[in-house]
Amino acid sequence: MSVNGIGTRDYMGESYEERLSKITDKNAANAFRAAYANKMAGAKDYISTISKAYNTGRVGATNFVDAFPMYDVITHVGNADISSGNWQRNDFPFWEYFNKNTSADALNDWKPVGANPPQTRSDLQRNYSSIGSGRIAILIPESLQQKMDADPAYARKIMAKVQEWKEDYDRWDNTVAASYGANVAEFQAGKSYVFDLDEEGNVRNCTVTSPGRITGPTKEEQEQFEAEQAEKRRRRVKYIQILEEGAEKRKIQEQENLRLYQEHLLKHALLQQ
């Protein structure tokens, strides 16, 4: 069984084993296992609910603006050709794609200089911060856009494919964040995304940011976290609080967070009427 071209046992367009094999951080790997299990079980937990809410578009969406109404969406149609090596560098200027006047192929000739710099470098932090929250930039090959324009049913399948990929990513990413004590609702609301699609509408490259940085614990942050945990300090740049409450208290807090989040969604829906 598959959904819009993505197998139900896939996660972010790959098999469970393929994706898991690429995750080297132990905490992130454990979070991935938990997120995958919740997906397979059709879980309605707090993290899954929030992740789904941000990836539910308007009924019959045939364009990305309608597919992701919770975001400010910018699309660039053209033939981007960025190597994975360049895309994964911390200094790759992906933030330029949030400029409406930037073409999809504008960074094809970008060349790195020197070793990959740390995310904490001041000029990179300024560039990350310039993006802001709640935004999506999507690079769409010309051939893909032409097929979507010619066939609304095909366009709907592409919208669903990207929505599912992003929901899978968010469920995992939010699970990682929760393990560090982050407020998941605030964490999700703070993220922005760049998606580079291939000619079949698969996510070929992706960068996700939150204010001031690329999301996901870096090696430096992981070391910092472990040192702080050993010293029982509650200091973090991104994940402010390290939870030490018992499971029952966390369950009660998640229920309260879910109630508040549902109230927020209801208010948002009423304002849209």
Protein backbone atom coordinates (compact mmCIF):
# COMPACT_ATOMS: atom_id res chain seq x y z
CA MET A 1 0.00 0.00 0.00
CA SER A 2 1.23 3.49 -0.77
CA VAL A 3 0.05 7.05 -0.43
CA ASN A 4 0.67 9.33 -3.40
CA GLY A 5 3.79 7.50 -4.40
CA ILE A 6 5.24 7.14 -0.90
CA GLY A 7 5.14 3.69 0.68
CA THR A 8 3.43 3.64 4.06
CA ARG A 9 6.54 1.98 5.54
CA ASP A 10 8.74 4.73 4.12
CA TYR A 11 9.87 7.75 6.07
CA MET A 12 10.83 10.97 4.27
CA GLY A 13 10.80 9.08 0.95
CA GLU A 14 13.17 6.29 2.03
CA SER A 15 12.76 2.95 3.70
CA TYR A 16 12.95 2.96 7.49
CA GLU A 17 16.31 1.18 7.42
CA GLU A 18 17.81 3.52 4.80
CA ARG A 19 16.87 6.65 6.70
CA LEU A 20 17.87 5.28 10.11
CA SER A 21 21.29 4.21 8.80
CA LYS A 22 22.08 7.86 8.00
CA ILE A 23 21.42 9.11 11.54
CA THR A 24 24.63 9.03 13.53
CA ASP A 25 23.49 10.91 16.64
CA LYS A 26 22.18 8.43 19.24
CA ASN A 27 19.51 10.76 20.60
CA ALA A 28 18.27 11.62 17.10
CA ALA A 29 18.22 7.91 16.16
CA ASN A 30 16.12 7.05 19.21
CA ALA A 31 13.77 9.91 18.37
CA PHE A 32 13.48 8.62 14.81
CA ARG A 33 12.49 5.16 16.04
CA ALA A 34 9.83 6.70 18.28
CA ALA A 35 8.50 8.95 15.53
CA TYR A 36 8.33 6.07 13.04
CA ALA A 37 6.52 3.86 15.55
CA ASN A 38 3.96 6.59 16.19
CA LYS A 39 3.40 7.02 12.47
CA MET A 40 2.90 3.31 11.92
CA ALA A 41 0.48 3.17 14.87
CA GLY A 42 -1.48 6.20 13.65
CA ALA A 43 -0.78 7.84 17.00
CA LYS A 44 -2.74 10.92 18.08
CA ASP A 45 -0.15 12.10 20.59
CA TYR A 46 0.74 15.75 21.12
CA ILE A 47 3.78 15.77 18.83
CA SER A 48 2.00 13.93 16.00
CA THR A 49 -1.00 16.27 16.27
CA ILE A 50 1.12 19.40 15.96
CA SER A 51 3.23 17.94 13.14
CA LYS A 52 0.11 17.03 11.16
CA ALA A 53 -1.60 20.38 11.76
CA TYR A 54 1.25 22.26 10.10
CA ASN A 55 1.08 20.00 7.05
CA THR A 56 -2.67 19.97 6.40
CA GLY A 57 -3.57 22.09 3.40
CA ARG A 58 -6.76 23.34 1.88
CA VAL A 59 -8.94 20.63 0.36
CA GLY A 60 -7.96 19.90 -3.25
CA ALA A 61 -4.79 21.99 -3.13
CA THR A 62 -2.99 22.08 -6.48
CA ASN A 63 -0.31 24.60 -5.49
CA PHE A 64 2.05 24.94 -2.56
CA VAL A 65 0.45 28.10 -1.20
CA ASP A 66 -2.78 26.18 -0.64
CA ALA A 67 -0.93 23.03 0.43
CA PHE A 68 0.80 24.89 3.29
CA PRO A 69 -1.61 27.67 4.40
CA MET A 70 0.13 27.98 7.78
CA TYR A 71 3.23 29.37 6.02
CA ASP A 72 4.42 32.22 3.87
CA VAL A 73 5.30 30.21 0.74
CA ILE A 74 7.67 31.33 -2.02
CA THR A 75 8.14 29.16 -5.12
CA HIS A 76 10.97 29.37 -7.65
CA VAL A 77 10.46 27.53 -10.92
CA GLY A 78 13.69 26.67 -12.72
CA ASN A 79 16.46 24.15 -13.01
CA ALA A 80 18.39 24.21 -9.75
CA ASP A 81 21.52 22.05 -9.84
CA ILE A 82 23.13 22.02 -6.39
CA SER A 83 25.30 19.14 -5.24
CA SER A 84 24.41 17.53 -1.92
CA GLY A 85 27.91 18.38 -0.70
CA ASN A 86 27.41 22.09 -1.32
CA TRP A 87 23.86 22.07 0.01
CA GLN A 88 24.92 20.50 3.29
CA ARG A 89 27.57 23.12 4.05
CA ASN A 90 26.71 25.58 6.80
CA ASP A 91 27.71 28.53 4.60
CA PHE A 92 25.65 27.53 1.56
CA PRO A 93 23.55 30.71 1.09
CA PHE A 94 20.14 28.99 1.02
CA TRP A 95 18.67 32.05 2.74
CA GLU A 96 18.75 33.81 -0.64
CA TYR A 97 15.88 31.59 -1.77
CA PHE A 98 13.58 33.48 0.60
CA ASN A 99 14.03 36.51 -1.66
CA LYS A 100 11.25 36.48 -4.26
CA ASN A 101 13.63 37.90 -6.85
CA THR A 102 16.09 35.00 -6.54
CA SER A 103 15.82 32.47 -9.36
CA ALA A 104 15.84 28.71 -8.78
CA ASP A 105 19.20 28.37 -10.54
CA ALA A 106 20.80 31.44 -8.94
CA LEU A 107 23.13 29.38 -6.73
CA ASN A 108 24.09 26.70 -9.25
CA ASP A 109 27.60 28.15 -9.60
CA TRP A 110 28.21 28.73 -5.89
CA LYS A 111 31.61 27.39 -4.81
CA PRO A 112 32.69 26.71 -1.22
CA VAL A 113 35.89 28.19 0.14
CA GLY A 114 37.86 26.33 2.77
CA ALA A 115 36.55 23.94 5.39
CA ASN A 116 32.90 23.81 6.41
CA PRO A 117 32.49 26.59 9.01
CA PRO A 118 30.58 26.12 12.28
CA GLN A 119 26.94 27.21 12.44
CA THR A 120 27.86 29.50 15.31
CA ARG A 121 29.91 31.86 13.11
CA SER A 122 28.47 35.35 13.59
CA ASP A 123 27.80 36.14 9.92
CA LEU A 124 25.99 32.81 9.45
CA GLN A 125 23.90 33.45 12.55
CA ARG A 126 22.84 36.80 11.08
CA ASN A 127 21.89 35.15 7.79
CA TYR A 128 19.90 32.41 9.54
CA SER A 129 18.13 35.02 11.66
CA SER A 130 17.21 37.07 8.59
CA ILE A 131 14.88 34.30 7.39
CA GLY A 132 12.44 34.52 10.29
CA SER A 133 9.81 31.96 11.20
CA GLY A 134 6.92 30.31 9.38
CA ARG A 135 8.27 30.49 5.83
CA ILE A 136 8.80 27.94 3.06
CA ALA A 137 10.83 28.36 -0.13
CA ILE A 138 10.38 25.65 -2.79
CA LEU A 139 12.53 25.06 -5.87
CA ILE A 140 10.45 23.42 -8.61
CA PRO A 141 11.95 22.04 -11.85
CA GLU A 142 10.36 23.50 -14.96
CA SER A 143 9.29 20.07 -16.20
CA LEU A 144 7.52 19.32 -12.91
CA GLN A 145 5.69 22.64 -12.93
CA GLN A 146 4.54 22.02 -16.51
CA LYS A 147 3.12 18.60 -15.58
CA MET A 148 1.30 20.06 -12.57
CA ASP A 149 -0.13 22.89 -14.64
CA ALA A 150 -1.41 20.42 -17.24
CA ASP A 151 -2.92 17.92 -14.80
CA PRO A 152 -4.57 19.11 -11.54
CA ALA A 153 -4.89 15.52 -10.29
CA TYR A 154 -1.14 15.05 -10.68
CA ALA A 155 -0.54 18.37 -8.93
CA ARG A 156 -2.62 17.21 -5.97
CA LYS A 157 -0.47 14.05 -5.71
CA ILE A 158 2.68 16.16 -5.63
CA MET A 159 1.23 18.40 -2.92
CA ALA A 160 0.36 15.33 -0.83
CA LYS A 161 3.82 13.84 -1.38
CA VAL A 162 5.62 16.93 -0.11
CA GLN A 163 3.14 17.32 2.77
CA GLU A 164 3.80 13.74 3.86
CA TRP A 165 7.56 14.18 3.63
CA LYS A 166 7.43 17.34 5.73
CA GLU A 167 5.05 15.80 8.29
CA ASP A 168 7.42 12.85 8.71
CA TYR A 169 10.34 15.22 9.13
CA ASP A 170 8.50 17.41 11.63
CA ARG A 171 7.34 14.44 13.69
CA TRP A 172 10.95 13.29 13.99
CA ASP A 173 12.45 16.75 14.48
CA ASN A 174 9.84 17.65 17.11
CA THR A 175 10.49 14.37 18.92
CA VAL A 176 14.19 15.26 19.09
CA ALA A 177 13.30 18.74 20.37
CA ALA A 178 10.96 17.34 23.03
CA SER A 179 13.71 15.02 24.26
CA TYR A 180 15.75 18.13 25.04
CA GLY A 181 12.86 19.80 26.85
CA ALA A 182 11.74 22.18 24.11
CA ASN A 183 8.18 23.50 23.94
CA VAL A 184 7.12 21.62 20.80
CA ALA A 185 4.41 24.07 19.75
CA GLU A 186 6.83 27.00 19.89
CA PHE A 187 9.58 24.98 18.25
CA GLN A 188 7.34 23.98 15.33
CA ALA A 189 6.01 27.50 14.85
CA GLY A 190 9.55 28.86 14.72
CA LYS A 191 10.80 26.75 11.83
CA SER A 192 11.29 27.75 8.19
CA TYR A 193 12.15 25.44 5.28
CA VAL A 194 13.80 25.29 1.87
CA PHE A 195 12.80 22.34 -0.32
CA ASP A 196 14.63 21.47 -3.54
CA LEU A 197 12.41 19.09 -5.53
CA ASP A 198 13.41 16.71 -8.31
CA GLU A 199 11.39 16.15 -11.48
CA GLU A 200 9.11 13.64 -9.73
CA GLY A 201 8.32 15.95 -6.83
CA ASN A 202 10.58 14.16 -4.36
CA VAL A 203 12.52 16.23 -1.83
CA ARG A 204 16.06 16.16 -3.15
CA ASN A 205 17.61 18.67 -0.74
CA CYS A 206 16.19 20.35 2.32
CA THR A 207 17.31 22.85 4.93
CA VAL A 208 15.28 23.67 8.03
CA THR A 209 15.98 26.63 10.27
CA SER A 210 14.69 28.16 13.44
CA PRO A 211 15.53 31.73 14.47
CA GLY A 212 19.29 32.12 14.45
CA ARG A 213 20.35 28.59 13.46
CA ILE A 214 19.84 25.39 11.53
CA THR A 215 17.73 22.98 13.55
CA GLY A 216 18.93 19.73 15.01
CA PRO A 217 21.67 19.30 17.61
CA THR A 218 25.15 19.80 16.18
CA LYS A 219 28.16 17.97 17.59
CA GLU A 220 29.09 21.09 19.55
CA GLU A 221 25.56 21.35 21.00
CA GLN A 222 25.48 17.69 21.90
CA GLU A 223 28.74 18.06 23.83
CA GLN A 224 27.39 21.16 25.52
CA PHE A 225 24.19 19.36 26.47
CA GLU A 226 26.06 16.43 28.01
CA ALA A 227 28.28 18.76 30.03
CA GLU A 228 25.30 20.73 31.27
CA GLN A 229 23.41 17.58 32.17
CA ALA A 230 26.38 16.30 34.17
CA GLU A 231 26.49 19.59 36.06
CA LYS A 232 22.68 19.69 36.34
CA ARG A 233 22.52 23.12 34.80
CA ARG A 234 19.57 24.44 32.85
CA ARG A 235 21.33 26.47 30.22
CA ARG A 236 20.90 25.97 26.46
CA VAL A 237 21.08 28.18 23.40
CA LYS A 238 18.25 26.40 21.62
CA TYR A 239 16.70 23.94 24.06
CA ILE A 240 16.21 26.17 27.10
CA GLN A 241 14.99 23.62 29.61
CA ILE A 242 16.09 20.03 30.29
CA LEU A 243 13.13 18.21 31.76
CA GLU A 244 13.74 16.18 34.90
CA GLU A 245 10.10 15.64 35.90
CA GLY A 246 8.63 12.16 36.07
CA ALA A 247 6.62 10.57 33.27
CA GLU A 248 3.26 11.39 34.88
CA LYS A 249 4.00 15.09 35.17
CA ARG A 250 5.16 15.19 31.55
CA LYS A 251 1.97 13.47 30.44
CA ILE A 252 -0.15 16.06 32.28
CA GLN A 253 1.86 18.90 30.74
CA GLU A 254 1.47 17.46 27.23
CA GLN A 255 -2.27 17.22 27.69
CA GLU A 256 -2.42 20.85 28.79
CA ASN A 257 -0.21 21.91 25.86
CA LEU A 258 -2.47 20.05 23.45
CA ARG A 259 -5.56 21.74 24.89
CA LEU A 260 -3.99 25.19 24.52
CA TYR A 261 -2.80 24.39 21.02
CA GLN A 262 -6.26 23.23 19.95
CA GLU A 263 -7.71 26.48 21.31
CA HIS A 264 -5.13 28.37 19.24
CA LEU A 265 -6.14 26.48 16.09
CA LEU A 266 -9.82 27.19 16.75
CA LYS A 267 -9.16 30.91 17.18
CA HIS A 268 -7.10 30.90 13.99
CA ALA A 269 -9.92 29.18 12.07
CA LEU A 270 -12.48 31.70 13.35
CA LEU A 271 -10.31 34.60 12.25
CA GLN A 272 -10.08 33.11 8.76
CA GLN A 273 -13.89 33.01 8.37
